[in-house]
Amino acid sequence: MVEFSKDIKINHKTVLRIMKKYGLCSKIRRNRKIKSICEAVHTYENKLNRKFSTNIKNQKWTTDITQFKGSNGILYLSALKDLYDGAILGYAYASNSKTPLVLNTIKQASRYLTDSKNNITILHSDQGAQYKSNEYHEYIESLGIIASMSRPGTPIDNAPIESFFSTMKAEWFPDTSNMTIESIAKDIDIYISFYNNERISLRNKMAPLKYLYIAA
């Protein structure tokens, strides 16, 4: 081992030239700028606070996103559930889980607001970036919807929609690994139609949408 005195002067350009000649240069990792997922971030208090029961339609909504792994990719499903009757009032699927997926779901569900006497709707979600986005904030505000959000790392705060996804996967999608995302999408349409119009709810003794219109 060669020891160098601290008094020895080194020409850094010469050292660099020699290192390049013998391939001794290391690669410098560039500092990456961390970009925020959302330009504007909004957070909301938990207004639902695990009070999942209601006798008023369109008073309490819950929403979330789940994913299905297919043979040719991943399909993301966003759904919105009314806690009054358990109906899925809106849903959308896409190859990504970006904010437009969520907005399309709410747009579908907003059709039911016109025939509701209740003028206060709470929409509860988890802390996903889509629900903190400026686009989400502005859209639900334009509809007069009040946002509510689960506490960090507390899935039980959004248990009703989590339960729907769990039931859906257990009853209809036990294994999607051999299915294409296109066939998964078709089966989602079939299942949600079945869930809303035919599957009997133990609580109401009838399908969600049938209960909605009979009890209206």
N, C-alpha and C. Protein backbone atom coordinates (compact mmCIF):
# COMPACT_ATOMS: atom_id res chain seq x y z
N MET A 1 0.85 -1.18 0.00
CA MET A 1 0.00 0.00 0.00
C MET A 1 0.89 1.23 0.00
N VAL A 2 0.59 2.16 -0.85
CA VAL A 2 1.37 3.39 -0.95
C VAL A 2 0.73 4.45 -0.08
N GLU A 3 1.55 5.04 0.77
CA GLU A 3 1.06 6.10 1.63
C GLU A 3 1.46 7.44 1.06
N PHE A 4 0.53 8.38 1.06
CA PHE A 4 0.81 9.71 0.54
C PHE A 4 0.84 10.71 1.68
N SER A 5 1.78 11.58 1.61
CA SER A 5 1.87 12.64 2.61
C SER A 5 0.83 13.69 2.30
N LYS A 6 0.35 14.34 3.35
CA LYS A 6 -0.64 15.40 3.14
C LYS A 6 -0.06 16.60 2.43
N ASP A 7 1.29 16.62 2.33
CA ASP A 7 1.94 17.76 1.67
C ASP A 7 2.06 17.56 0.16
N ILE A 8 1.75 16.34 -0.32
CA ILE A 8 1.85 16.08 -1.76
C ILE A 8 0.72 16.80 -2.49
N LYS A 9 1.07 17.50 -3.56
CA LYS A 9 0.08 18.21 -4.35
C LYS A 9 -0.40 17.31 -5.49
N ILE A 10 -1.71 17.28 -5.71
CA ILE A 10 -2.30 16.42 -6.72
C ILE A 10 -3.00 17.28 -7.76
N ASN A 11 -2.72 17.00 -9.02
CA ASN A 11 -3.41 17.68 -10.12
C ASN A 11 -4.67 16.86 -10.43
N HIS A 12 -5.80 17.39 -10.05
CA HIS A 12 -7.06 16.64 -10.18
C HIS A 12 -7.41 16.35 -11.63
N LYS A 13 -7.04 17.23 -12.54
CA LYS A 13 -7.32 16.99 -13.96
C LYS A 13 -6.51 15.81 -14.49
N THR A 14 -5.26 15.70 -14.00
CA THR A 14 -4.42 14.58 -14.41
C THR A 14 -4.98 13.27 -13.87
N VAL A 15 -5.41 13.30 -12.61
CA VAL A 15 -6.00 12.11 -12.00
C VAL A 15 -7.25 11.68 -12.77
N LEU A 16 -8.08 12.66 -13.13
CA LEU A 16 -9.29 12.36 -13.87
C LEU A 16 -8.98 11.75 -15.22
N ARG A 17 -7.95 12.30 -15.91
CA ARG A 17 -7.57 11.78 -17.22
C ARG A 17 -7.10 10.33 -17.13
N ILE A 18 -6.30 10.04 -16.10
CA ILE A 18 -5.79 8.67 -15.92
C ILE A 18 -6.93 7.71 -15.58
N MET A 19 -7.85 8.16 -14.74
CA MET A 19 -8.99 7.32 -14.36
C MET A 19 -9.84 7.00 -15.58
N LYS A 20 -10.06 8.00 -16.43
CA LYS A 20 -10.85 7.77 -17.64
C LYS A 20 -10.16 6.77 -18.56
N LYS A 21 -8.82 6.88 -18.65
CA LYS A 21 -8.03 6.01 -19.52
C LYS A 21 -8.18 4.55 -19.13
N TYR A 22 -8.22 4.29 -17.83
CA TYR A 22 -8.29 2.91 -17.35
C TYR A 22 -9.70 2.49 -16.88
N GLY A 23 -10.68 3.34 -17.23
CA GLY A 23 -12.06 2.99 -16.91
C GLY A 23 -12.36 2.94 -15.43
N LEU A 24 -11.78 3.82 -14.69
CA LEU A 24 -11.96 3.82 -13.23
C LEU A 24 -12.95 4.86 -12.73
N CYS A 25 -13.64 5.52 -13.67
CA CYS A 25 -14.58 6.57 -13.25
C CYS A 25 -15.88 5.97 -12.75
N SER A 26 -16.36 6.48 -11.64
CA SER A 26 -17.64 6.03 -11.10
C SER A 26 -18.76 6.84 -11.69
N LYS A 27 -19.94 6.25 -11.67
CA LYS A 27 -21.11 6.97 -12.15
C LYS A 27 -21.72 7.75 -11.00
N ILE A 28 -21.97 9.00 -11.25
CA ILE A 28 -22.54 9.87 -10.23
C ILE A 28 -24.06 9.83 -10.32
N ARG A 29 -24.70 9.52 -9.21
CA ARG A 29 -26.17 9.49 -9.18
C ARG A 29 -26.69 10.92 -9.08
N ARG A 30 -27.51 11.29 -10.04
CA ARG A 30 -28.06 12.64 -10.04
C ARG A 30 -29.17 12.76 -9.01
N ASN A 31 -29.25 13.92 -8.42
CA ASN A 31 -30.33 14.17 -7.48
C ASN A 31 -31.63 14.31 -8.25
N ARG A 32 -32.61 13.51 -7.88
CA ARG A 32 -33.89 13.57 -8.56
C ARG A 32 -34.83 14.50 -7.80
N LYS A 33 -35.54 15.28 -8.54
CA LYS A 33 -36.53 16.15 -7.93
C LYS A 33 -37.75 15.32 -7.58
N ILE A 34 -38.17 15.39 -6.36
CA ILE A 34 -39.35 14.65 -5.92
C ILE A 34 -40.58 15.47 -6.28
N LYS A 35 -41.39 14.90 -7.16
CA LYS A 35 -42.59 15.60 -7.60
C LYS A 35 -43.78 15.14 -6.78
N SER A 36 -44.57 16.08 -6.36
CA SER A 36 -45.77 15.75 -5.61
C SER A 36 -46.78 15.13 -6.56
N ILE A 37 -47.50 14.12 -6.10
CA ILE A 37 -48.51 13.48 -6.93
C ILE A 37 -49.61 14.47 -7.30
N CYS A 38 -49.91 15.34 -6.39
CA CYS A 38 -50.96 16.33 -6.64
C CYS A 38 -50.38 17.73 -6.49
N GLU A 39 -50.74 18.62 -7.39
CA GLU A 39 -50.26 19.98 -7.28
C GLU A 39 -50.83 20.64 -6.03
N ALA A 40 -52.06 20.36 -5.73
CA ALA A 40 -52.68 20.89 -4.51
C ALA A 40 -53.18 19.71 -3.69
N VAL A 41 -52.89 19.71 -2.42
CA VAL A 41 -53.26 18.59 -1.57
C VAL A 41 -54.29 19.05 -0.55
N HIS A 42 -55.40 18.31 -0.49
CA HIS A 42 -56.47 18.62 0.46
C HIS A 42 -56.68 17.42 1.37
N THR A 43 -56.81 17.67 2.63
CA THR A 43 -57.15 16.60 3.57
C THR A 43 -58.43 17.00 4.28
N TYR A 44 -59.16 15.99 4.77
CA TYR A 44 -60.46 16.26 5.37
C TYR A 44 -60.59 15.48 6.68
N GLU A 45 -61.37 16.00 7.58
CA GLU A 45 -61.60 15.29 8.83
C GLU A 45 -62.55 14.12 8.61
N ASN A 46 -62.51 13.17 9.51
CA ASN A 46 -63.36 11.99 9.42
C ASN A 46 -64.76 12.33 9.95
N LYS A 47 -65.61 12.81 9.06
CA LYS A 47 -66.96 13.20 9.45
C LYS A 47 -67.88 11.99 9.64
N LEU A 48 -67.57 10.90 8.96
CA LEU A 48 -68.39 9.70 9.08
C LEU A 48 -68.13 9.01 10.42
N ASN A 49 -66.88 8.96 10.82
CA ASN A 49 -66.48 8.46 12.13
C ASN A 49 -67.08 7.09 12.46
N ARG A 50 -67.07 6.20 11.47
CA ARG A 50 -67.57 4.82 11.60
C ARG A 50 -69.06 4.71 11.92
N LYS A 51 -69.81 5.78 11.70
CA LYS A 51 -71.27 5.72 11.86
C LYS A 51 -71.85 5.37 10.50
N PHE A 52 -71.92 4.08 10.24
CA PHE A 52 -72.23 3.60 8.90
C PHE A 52 -73.72 3.44 8.61
N SER A 53 -74.56 3.55 9.60
CA SER A 53 -75.99 3.37 9.36
C SER A 53 -76.68 4.70 9.08
N THR A 54 -77.72 4.65 8.25
CA THR A 54 -78.51 5.84 7.95
C THR A 54 -79.86 5.42 7.40
N ASN A 55 -80.88 6.21 7.67
CA ASN A 55 -82.22 5.97 7.15
C ASN A 55 -82.57 6.96 6.04
N ILE A 56 -81.57 7.67 5.58
CA ILE A 56 -81.78 8.67 4.53
C ILE A 56 -80.88 8.36 3.34
N LYS A 57 -81.48 8.21 2.17
CA LYS A 57 -80.68 7.89 1.00
C LYS A 57 -79.81 9.08 0.60
N ASN A 58 -78.66 8.77 0.05
CA ASN A 58 -77.69 9.77 -0.40
C ASN A 58 -77.18 10.68 0.72
N GLN A 59 -77.27 10.21 1.94
CA GLN A 59 -76.72 10.99 3.04
C GLN A 59 -75.26 10.61 3.32
N LYS A 60 -74.96 9.30 3.21
CA LYS A 60 -73.61 8.82 3.48
C LYS A 60 -73.15 7.91 2.35
N TRP A 61 -72.11 8.36 1.67
CA TRP A 61 -71.51 7.58 0.59
C TRP A 61 -70.08 7.19 0.98
N THR A 62 -69.65 6.02 0.55
CA THR A 62 -68.25 5.64 0.72
C THR A 62 -67.69 5.21 -0.63
N THR A 63 -66.41 5.47 -0.82
CA THR A 63 -65.78 5.15 -2.10
C THR A 63 -64.35 4.70 -1.90
N ASP A 64 -63.87 3.90 -2.84
CA ASP A 64 -62.49 3.42 -2.77
C ASP A 64 -62.12 2.80 -4.12
N ILE A 65 -60.86 2.39 -4.23
CA ILE A 65 -60.35 1.76 -5.45
C ILE A 65 -59.73 0.41 -5.08
N THR A 66 -59.99 -0.58 -5.91
CA THR A 66 -59.33 -1.88 -5.76
C THR A 66 -58.73 -2.25 -7.10
N GLN A 67 -57.95 -3.32 -7.12
CA GLN A 67 -57.33 -3.74 -8.37
C GLN A 67 -57.48 -5.23 -8.61
N PHE A 68 -57.48 -5.59 -9.90
CA PHE A 68 -57.55 -6.98 -10.33
C PHE A 68 -56.34 -7.26 -11.23
N LYS A 69 -55.57 -8.26 -10.88
CA LYS A 69 -54.41 -8.61 -11.69
C LYS A 69 -54.81 -9.64 -12.74
N GLY A 70 -54.76 -9.23 -14.00
CA GLY A 70 -55.12 -10.12 -15.09
C GLY A 70 -53.89 -10.67 -15.80
N SER A 71 -54.12 -11.48 -16.81
CA SER A 71 -53.02 -12.08 -17.54
C SER A 71 -52.26 -11.08 -18.41
N ASN A 72 -52.89 -9.95 -18.71
CA ASN A 72 -52.25 -8.96 -19.58
C ASN A 72 -52.18 -7.58 -18.93
N GLY A 73 -52.23 -7.52 -17.62
CA GLY A 73 -52.11 -6.23 -16.95
C GLY A 73 -52.95 -6.15 -15.69
N ILE A 74 -53.09 -4.94 -15.19
CA ILE A 74 -53.87 -4.68 -13.98
C ILE A 74 -55.06 -3.78 -14.32
N LEU A 75 -56.23 -4.14 -13.82
CA LEU A 75 -57.42 -3.32 -14.00
C LEU A 75 -57.81 -2.73 -12.65
N TYR A 76 -58.00 -1.41 -12.62
CA TYR A 76 -58.37 -0.72 -11.39
C TYR A 76 -59.87 -0.43 -11.41
N LEU A 77 -60.53 -0.73 -10.31
CA LEU A 77 -61.97 -0.50 -10.18
C LEU A 77 -62.22 0.50 -9.06
N SER A 78 -62.94 1.56 -9.39
CA SER A 78 -63.38 2.55 -8.41
C SER A 78 -64.89 2.38 -8.25
N ALA A 79 -65.36 2.35 -7.01
CA ALA A 79 -66.80 2.17 -6.77
C ALA A 79 -67.27 3.09 -5.65
N LEU A 80 -68.55 3.43 -5.70
CA LEU A 80 -69.14 4.31 -4.70
C LEU A 80 -70.42 3.67 -4.17
N LYS A 81 -70.53 3.54 -2.87
CA LYS A 81 -71.64 2.84 -2.22
C LYS A 81 -72.45 3.77 -1.35
N ASP A 82 -73.79 3.66 -1.46
CA ASP A 82 -74.69 4.42 -0.59
C ASP A 82 -74.98 3.56 0.65
N LEU A 83 -74.72 4.11 1.82
CA LEU A 83 -74.91 3.34 3.05
C LEU A 83 -76.39 3.19 3.41
N TYR A 84 -77.27 3.88 2.73
CA TYR A 84 -78.71 3.77 2.98
C TYR A 84 -79.22 2.37 2.62
N ASP A 85 -78.86 1.89 1.44
CA ASP A 85 -79.36 0.60 0.97
C ASP A 85 -78.25 -0.33 0.50
N GLY A 86 -77.02 0.16 0.51
CA GLY A 86 -75.90 -0.66 0.08
C GLY A 86 -75.69 -0.70 -1.42
N ALA A 87 -76.43 0.11 -2.17
CA ALA A 87 -76.33 0.09 -3.63
C ALA A 87 -75.01 0.72 -4.09
N ILE A 88 -74.49 0.18 -5.18
CA ILE A 88 -73.34 0.78 -5.84
C ILE A 88 -73.88 1.78 -6.85
N LEU A 89 -73.80 3.05 -6.51
CA LEU A 89 -74.41 4.10 -7.33
C LEU A 89 -73.54 4.52 -8.51
N GLY A 90 -72.26 4.24 -8.40
CA GLY A 90 -71.36 4.60 -9.49
C GLY A 90 -70.11 3.74 -9.44
N TYR A 91 -69.58 3.43 -10.61
CA TYR A 91 -68.31 2.71 -10.67
C TYR A 91 -67.64 2.97 -12.01
N ALA A 92 -66.34 2.79 -12.03
CA ALA A 92 -65.57 2.96 -13.26
C ALA A 92 -64.32 2.12 -13.15
N TYR A 93 -63.81 1.69 -14.29
CA TYR A 93 -62.56 0.94 -14.28
C TYR A 93 -61.63 1.47 -15.37
N ALA A 94 -60.33 1.28 -15.15
CA ALA A 94 -59.33 1.78 -16.08
C ALA A 94 -58.01 1.05 -15.84
N SER A 95 -57.06 1.28 -16.72
CA SER A 95 -55.75 0.63 -16.59
C SER A 95 -54.84 1.39 -15.62
N ASN A 96 -55.35 2.49 -15.06
CA ASN A 96 -54.60 3.23 -14.05
C ASN A 96 -55.57 3.73 -12.99
N SER A 97 -55.01 4.16 -11.87
CA SER A 97 -55.86 4.60 -10.76
C SER A 97 -55.80 6.11 -10.54
N LYS A 98 -55.62 6.84 -11.62
CA LYS A 98 -55.49 8.29 -11.51
C LYS A 98 -56.84 8.95 -11.22
N THR A 99 -56.79 10.24 -10.93
CA THR A 99 -57.96 10.99 -10.49
C THR A 99 -59.17 10.89 -11.42
N PRO A 100 -59.02 10.91 -12.76
CA PRO A 100 -60.20 10.79 -13.63
C PRO A 100 -61.05 9.56 -13.35
N LEU A 101 -60.43 8.47 -12.91
CA LEU A 101 -61.18 7.26 -12.56
C LEU A 101 -62.16 7.55 -11.43
N VAL A 102 -61.70 8.27 -10.45
CA VAL A 102 -62.53 8.64 -9.29
C VAL A 102 -63.63 9.61 -9.72
N LEU A 103 -63.29 10.59 -10.53
CA LEU A 103 -64.27 11.58 -10.96
C LEU A 103 -65.38 10.95 -11.80
N ASN A 104 -65.03 9.97 -12.64
CA ASN A 104 -66.05 9.27 -13.44
C ASN A 104 -67.02 8.52 -12.55
N THR A 105 -66.50 7.97 -11.46
CA THR A 105 -67.35 7.24 -10.50
C THR A 105 -68.35 8.18 -9.85
N ILE A 106 -67.87 9.32 -9.39
CA ILE A 106 -68.74 10.30 -8.73
C ILE A 106 -69.75 10.87 -9.71
N LYS A 107 -69.34 11.06 -10.95
CA LYS A 107 -70.25 11.59 -11.97
C LYS A 107 -71.45 10.67 -12.15
N GLN A 108 -71.20 9.36 -12.17
CA GLN A 108 -72.30 8.40 -12.28
C GLN A 108 -73.23 8.50 -11.07
N ALA A 109 -72.64 8.53 -9.89
CA ALA A 109 -73.44 8.56 -8.66
C ALA A 109 -74.22 9.85 -8.51
N SER A 110 -73.72 10.93 -9.07
CA SER A 110 -74.37 12.24 -8.91
C SER A 110 -75.76 12.27 -9.54
N ARG A 111 -76.06 11.34 -10.42
CA ARG A 111 -77.40 11.28 -11.03
C ARG A 111 -78.48 11.03 -9.98
N TYR A 112 -78.10 10.35 -8.90
CA TYR A 112 -79.06 10.01 -7.86
C TYR A 112 -79.33 11.18 -6.91
N LEU A 113 -78.51 12.22 -6.98
CA LEU A 113 -78.71 13.36 -6.09
C LEU A 113 -79.95 14.15 -6.46
N THR A 114 -80.33 14.11 -7.73
CA THR A 114 -81.46 14.92 -8.19
C THR A 114 -82.78 14.46 -7.62
N ASP A 115 -82.88 13.17 -7.27
CA ASP A 115 -84.15 12.69 -6.76
C ASP A 115 -84.07 12.39 -5.26
N SER A 116 -83.24 13.15 -4.59
CA SER A 116 -83.08 12.99 -3.15
C SER A 116 -83.53 14.24 -2.42
N LYS A 117 -84.34 14.06 -1.38
CA LYS A 117 -84.78 15.20 -0.58
C LYS A 117 -83.70 15.64 0.40
N ASN A 118 -82.75 14.77 0.62
CA ASN A 118 -81.65 15.11 1.52
C ASN A 118 -80.69 16.05 0.80
N ASN A 119 -80.36 17.18 1.43
CA ASN A 119 -79.47 18.12 0.77
C ASN A 119 -78.06 18.10 1.34
N ILE A 120 -77.74 17.12 2.15
CA ILE A 120 -76.39 16.98 2.68
C ILE A 120 -75.89 15.58 2.36
N THR A 121 -74.85 15.49 1.56
CA THR A 121 -74.25 14.20 1.23
C THR A 121 -72.80 14.21 1.67
N ILE A 122 -72.45 13.23 2.49
CA ILE A 122 -71.06 13.06 2.92
C ILE A 122 -70.44 11.96 2.07
N LEU A 123 -69.31 12.26 1.45
CA LEU A 123 -68.60 11.26 0.66
C LEU A 123 -67.30 10.91 1.38
N HIS A 124 -67.23 9.66 1.84
CA HIS A 124 -66.08 9.22 2.63
C HIS A 124 -65.11 8.41 1.78
N SER A 125 -63.82 8.66 1.96
CA SER A 125 -62.77 7.94 1.23
C SER A 125 -61.59 7.68 2.16
N ASP A 126 -60.61 6.96 1.63
CA ASP A 126 -59.37 6.81 2.38
C ASP A 126 -58.45 7.98 2.04
N GLN A 127 -57.18 7.86 2.36
CA GLN A 127 -56.24 8.96 2.16
C GLN A 127 -55.49 8.86 0.84
N GLY A 128 -56.07 8.20 -0.14
CA GLY A 128 -55.43 8.09 -1.45
C GLY A 128 -55.19 9.45 -2.09
N ALA A 129 -54.15 9.52 -2.89
CA ALA A 129 -53.77 10.80 -3.53
C ALA A 129 -54.89 11.37 -4.39
N GLN A 130 -55.69 10.47 -5.01
CA GLN A 130 -56.78 10.93 -5.88
C GLN A 130 -57.78 11.77 -5.10
N TYR A 131 -58.02 11.37 -3.85
CA TYR A 131 -59.02 12.05 -3.03
C TYR A 131 -58.48 13.32 -2.37
N LYS A 132 -57.18 13.51 -2.46
CA LYS A 132 -56.56 14.74 -1.94
C LYS A 132 -56.32 15.76 -3.05
N SER A 133 -56.58 15.35 -4.28
CA SER A 133 -56.25 16.22 -5.42
C SER A 133 -57.16 17.44 -5.51
N ASN A 134 -56.66 18.44 -6.18
CA ASN A 134 -57.43 19.66 -6.38
C ASN A 134 -58.66 19.40 -7.25
N GLU A 135 -58.49 18.51 -8.24
CA GLU A 135 -59.61 18.18 -9.14
C GLU A 135 -60.77 17.56 -8.36
N TYR A 136 -60.45 16.64 -7.48
CA TYR A 136 -61.47 15.99 -6.64
C TYR A 136 -62.16 17.02 -5.75
N HIS A 137 -61.37 17.85 -5.13
CA HIS A 137 -61.89 18.88 -4.22
C HIS A 137 -62.88 19.80 -4.94
N GLU A 138 -62.48 20.27 -6.11
CA GLU A 138 -63.33 21.21 -6.85
C GLU A 138 -64.60 20.53 -7.37
N TYR A 139 -64.48 19.26 -7.78
CA TYR A 139 -65.64 18.58 -8.35
C TYR A 139 -66.71 18.30 -7.31
N ILE A 140 -66.32 17.74 -6.17
CA ILE A 140 -67.33 17.44 -5.16
C ILE A 140 -67.91 18.72 -4.56
N GLU A 141 -67.09 19.76 -4.52
CA GLU A 141 -67.58 21.04 -4.02
C GLU A 141 -68.64 21.60 -4.96
N SER A 142 -68.45 21.40 -6.27
CA SER A 142 -69.43 21.89 -7.25
C SER A 142 -70.76 21.15 -7.14
N LEU A 143 -70.71 19.93 -6.61
CA LEU A 143 -71.92 19.13 -6.43
C LEU A 143 -72.55 19.33 -5.06
N GLY A 144 -71.90 20.10 -4.22
CA GLY A 144 -72.41 20.34 -2.87
C GLY A 144 -72.17 19.18 -1.94
N ILE A 145 -71.21 18.32 -2.27
CA ILE A 145 -70.89 17.15 -1.45
C ILE A 145 -69.82 17.51 -0.42
N ILE A 146 -69.99 16.98 0.79
CA ILE A 146 -69.04 17.22 1.86
C ILE A 146 -68.06 16.04 1.94
N ALA A 147 -66.78 16.34 1.92
CA ALA A 147 -65.76 15.29 1.94
C ALA A 147 -65.47 14.83 3.36
N SER A 148 -65.21 13.54 3.47
CA SER A 148 -64.80 12.93 4.74
C SER A 148 -63.67 11.97 4.40
N MET A 149 -62.74 11.78 5.32
CA MET A 149 -61.56 10.97 5.01
C MET A 149 -61.15 10.12 6.21
N SER A 150 -60.77 8.88 5.93
CA SER A 150 -60.29 7.99 6.97
C SER A 150 -59.00 8.51 7.59
N ARG A 151 -58.73 8.06 8.79
CA ARG A 151 -57.45 8.37 9.40
C ARG A 151 -56.36 7.56 8.72
N PRO A 152 -55.13 8.04 8.72
CA PRO A 152 -54.04 7.31 8.05
C PRO A 152 -53.91 5.88 8.57
N GLY A 153 -53.78 4.93 7.65
CA GLY A 153 -53.55 3.54 8.02
C GLY A 153 -54.67 2.89 8.80
N THR A 154 -55.93 3.33 8.55
CA THR A 154 -57.06 2.78 9.30
C THR A 154 -58.15 2.34 8.31
N PRO A 155 -57.99 1.19 7.65
CA PRO A 155 -58.96 0.72 6.65
C PRO A 155 -60.36 0.54 7.21
N ILE A 156 -60.47 0.23 8.51
CA ILE A 156 -61.79 -0.01 9.09
C ILE A 156 -62.66 1.26 9.07
N ASP A 157 -62.04 2.43 8.94
CA ASP A 157 -62.80 3.67 8.84
C ASP A 157 -63.62 3.71 7.55
N ASN A 158 -63.25 2.88 6.58
CA ASN A 158 -63.97 2.83 5.30
C ASN A 158 -64.46 1.41 5.04
N ALA A 159 -64.89 0.74 6.12
CA ALA A 159 -65.24 -0.68 6.08
C ALA A 159 -66.34 -1.06 5.08
N PRO A 160 -67.39 -0.26 4.89
CA PRO A 160 -68.48 -0.69 4.00
C PRO A 160 -68.04 -0.95 2.55
N ILE A 161 -67.25 -0.06 1.99
CA ILE A 161 -66.82 -0.27 0.60
C ILE A 161 -65.75 -1.35 0.53
N GLU A 162 -64.92 -1.45 1.58
CA GLU A 162 -63.93 -2.52 1.65
C GLU A 162 -64.65 -3.88 1.68
N SER A 163 -65.76 -3.93 2.42
CA SER A 163 -66.55 -5.16 2.52
C SER A 163 -67.14 -5.54 1.16
N PHE A 164 -67.61 -4.54 0.41
CA PHE A 164 -68.15 -4.81 -0.92
C PHE A 164 -67.09 -5.43 -1.82
N PHE A 165 -65.90 -4.84 -1.84
CA PHE A 165 -64.83 -5.38 -2.67
C PHE A 165 -64.47 -6.81 -2.25
N SER A 166 -64.43 -7.04 -0.96
CA SER A 166 -64.10 -8.36 -0.45
C SER A 166 -65.14 -9.40 -0.88
N THR A 167 -66.42 -9.03 -0.76
CA THR A 167 -67.51 -9.92 -1.17
C THR A 167 -67.47 -10.18 -2.67
N MET A 168 -67.25 -9.13 -3.41
CA MET A 168 -67.19 -9.24 -4.87
C MET A 168 -66.10 -10.20 -5.32
N LYS A 169 -64.93 -10.07 -4.73
CA LYS A 169 -63.82 -10.94 -5.13
C LYS A 169 -64.04 -12.38 -4.69
N ALA A 170 -64.64 -12.56 -3.52
CA ALA A 170 -64.88 -13.91 -3.02
C ALA A 170 -65.94 -14.63 -3.84
N GLU A 171 -67.00 -13.91 -4.24
CA GLU A 171 -68.12 -14.52 -4.95
C GLU A 171 -67.88 -14.67 -6.45
N TRP A 172 -67.14 -13.74 -7.02
CA TRP A 172 -67.08 -13.67 -8.48
C TRP A 172 -65.67 -13.76 -9.05
N PHE A 173 -64.68 -13.31 -8.31
CA PHE A 173 -63.32 -13.25 -8.83
C PHE A 173 -62.31 -13.92 -7.89
N PRO A 174 -62.47 -15.21 -7.62
CA PRO A 174 -61.52 -15.87 -6.72
C PRO A 174 -60.10 -15.91 -7.29
N ASP A 175 -59.99 -15.93 -8.63
CA ASP A 175 -58.67 -15.95 -9.27
C ASP A 175 -58.79 -15.33 -10.66
N THR A 176 -58.09 -14.22 -10.87
CA THR A 176 -58.17 -13.52 -12.16
C THR A 176 -56.88 -13.64 -12.96
N SER A 177 -55.95 -14.43 -12.47
CA SER A 177 -54.63 -14.51 -13.11
C SER A 177 -54.69 -15.03 -14.55
N ASN A 178 -55.71 -15.81 -14.87
CA ASN A 178 -55.84 -16.36 -16.22
C ASN A 178 -56.85 -15.58 -17.07
N MET A 179 -57.35 -14.50 -16.52
CA MET A 179 -58.32 -13.67 -17.24
C MET A 179 -57.64 -12.42 -17.81
N THR A 180 -58.07 -11.98 -18.97
CA THR A 180 -57.58 -10.71 -19.50
C THR A 180 -58.32 -9.58 -18.78
N ILE A 181 -57.75 -8.40 -18.81
CA ILE A 181 -58.42 -7.28 -18.15
C ILE A 181 -59.72 -6.93 -18.87
N GLU A 182 -59.80 -7.24 -20.16
CA GLU A 182 -61.03 -6.98 -20.90
C GLU A 182 -62.16 -7.89 -20.40
N SER A 183 -61.84 -9.16 -20.15
CA SER A 183 -62.87 -10.08 -19.65
C SER A 183 -63.22 -9.77 -18.20
N ILE A 184 -62.24 -9.29 -17.44
CA ILE A 184 -62.52 -8.88 -16.05
C ILE A 184 -63.50 -7.72 -16.05
N ALA A 185 -63.29 -6.76 -16.95
CA ALA A 185 -64.17 -5.59 -17.04
C ALA A 185 -65.61 -6.01 -17.35
N LYS A 186 -65.77 -6.95 -18.28
CA LYS A 186 -67.12 -7.43 -18.63
C LYS A 186 -67.78 -8.09 -17.43
N ASP A 187 -67.01 -8.87 -16.69
CA ASP A 187 -67.56 -9.55 -15.52
C ASP A 187 -67.88 -8.59 -14.39
N ILE A 188 -67.15 -7.50 -14.30
CA ILE A 188 -67.46 -6.47 -13.30
C ILE A 188 -68.84 -5.88 -13.59
N ASP A 189 -69.10 -5.58 -14.87
CA ASP A 189 -70.42 -5.05 -15.26
C ASP A 189 -71.53 -6.02 -14.86
N ILE A 190 -71.31 -7.31 -15.13
CA ILE A 190 -72.31 -8.32 -14.83
C ILE A 190 -72.53 -8.42 -13.32
N TYR A 191 -71.42 -8.45 -12.57
CA TYR A 191 -71.56 -8.64 -11.12
C TYR A 191 -72.25 -7.46 -10.45
N ILE A 192 -71.87 -6.24 -10.80
CA ILE A 192 -72.46 -5.07 -10.14
C ILE A 192 -73.94 -4.95 -10.49
N SER A 193 -74.31 -5.30 -11.72
CA SER A 193 -75.73 -5.33 -12.08
C SER A 193 -76.47 -6.36 -11.24
N PHE A 194 -75.86 -7.53 -11.08
CA PHE A 194 -76.44 -8.59 -10.25
C PHE A 194 -76.53 -8.15 -8.79
N TYR A 195 -75.46 -7.53 -8.30
CA TYR A 195 -75.41 -7.08 -6.91
C TYR A 195 -76.51 -6.05 -6.62
N ASN A 196 -76.68 -5.11 -7.52
CA ASN A 196 -77.66 -4.03 -7.31
C ASN A 196 -79.10 -4.48 -7.50
N ASN A 197 -79.34 -5.39 -8.45
CA ASN A 197 -80.71 -5.69 -8.85
C ASN A 197 -81.23 -7.07 -8.46
N GLU A 198 -80.34 -7.99 -8.11
CA GLU A 198 -80.79 -9.36 -7.83
C GLU A 198 -80.30 -9.93 -6.50
N ARG A 199 -79.10 -9.59 -6.12
CA ARG A 199 -78.52 -10.18 -4.91
C ARG A 199 -79.27 -9.67 -3.67
N ILE A 200 -79.80 -10.57 -2.88
CA ILE A 200 -80.60 -10.19 -1.72
C ILE A 200 -79.72 -9.73 -0.57
N SER A 201 -80.03 -8.58 -0.04
CA SER A 201 -79.32 -8.06 1.13
C SER A 201 -79.95 -8.62 2.39
N LEU A 202 -79.12 -9.12 3.31
CA LEU A 202 -79.64 -9.67 4.56
C LEU A 202 -80.33 -8.60 5.39
N ARG A 203 -79.86 -7.37 5.28
CA ARG A 203 -80.43 -6.28 6.09
C ARG A 203 -81.82 -5.88 5.60
N ASN A 204 -81.97 -5.72 4.28
CA ASN A 204 -83.24 -5.22 3.74
C ASN A 204 -84.12 -6.30 3.12
N LYS A 205 -83.59 -7.53 3.04
CA LYS A 205 -84.34 -8.67 2.49
C LYS A 205 -84.71 -8.50 1.02
N MET A 206 -83.98 -7.65 0.32
CA MET A 206 -84.18 -7.47 -1.12
C MET A 206 -82.94 -6.84 -1.72
N ALA A 207 -82.88 -6.80 -3.04
CA ALA A 207 -81.74 -6.21 -3.72
C ALA A 207 -81.68 -4.71 -3.46
N PRO A 208 -80.47 -4.13 -3.38
CA PRO A 208 -80.31 -2.72 -3.03
C PRO A 208 -81.14 -1.73 -3.83
N LEU A 209 -81.09 -1.81 -5.16
CA LEU A 209 -81.82 -0.82 -5.95
C LEU A 209 -83.32 -1.03 -5.88
N LYS A 210 -83.77 -2.26 -5.68
CA LYS A 210 -85.20 -2.50 -5.50
C LYS A 210 -85.67 -1.88 -4.19
N TYR A 211 -84.85 -2.01 -3.16
CA TYR A 211 -85.18 -1.40 -1.88
C TYR A 211 -85.19 0.12 -2.00
N LEU A 212 -84.26 0.65 -2.79
CA LEU A 212 -84.17 2.09 -2.97
C LEU A 212 -85.48 2.65 -3.51
N TYR A 213 -86.04 2.02 -4.52
CA TYR A 213 -87.23 2.55 -5.16
C TYR A 213 -88.52 2.20 -4.42
N ILE A 214 -88.54 1.08 -3.72
CA ILE A 214 -89.72 0.73 -2.92
C ILE A 214 -89.82 1.63 -1.70
N ALA A 215 -88.67 1.89 -1.08
CA ALA A 215 -88.66 2.69 0.14
C ALA A 215 -88.70 4.18 -0.14
N ALA A 216 -88.51 4.59 -1.38
CA ALA A 216 -88.46 6.01 -1.72
C ALA A 216 -89.80 6.69 -1.48
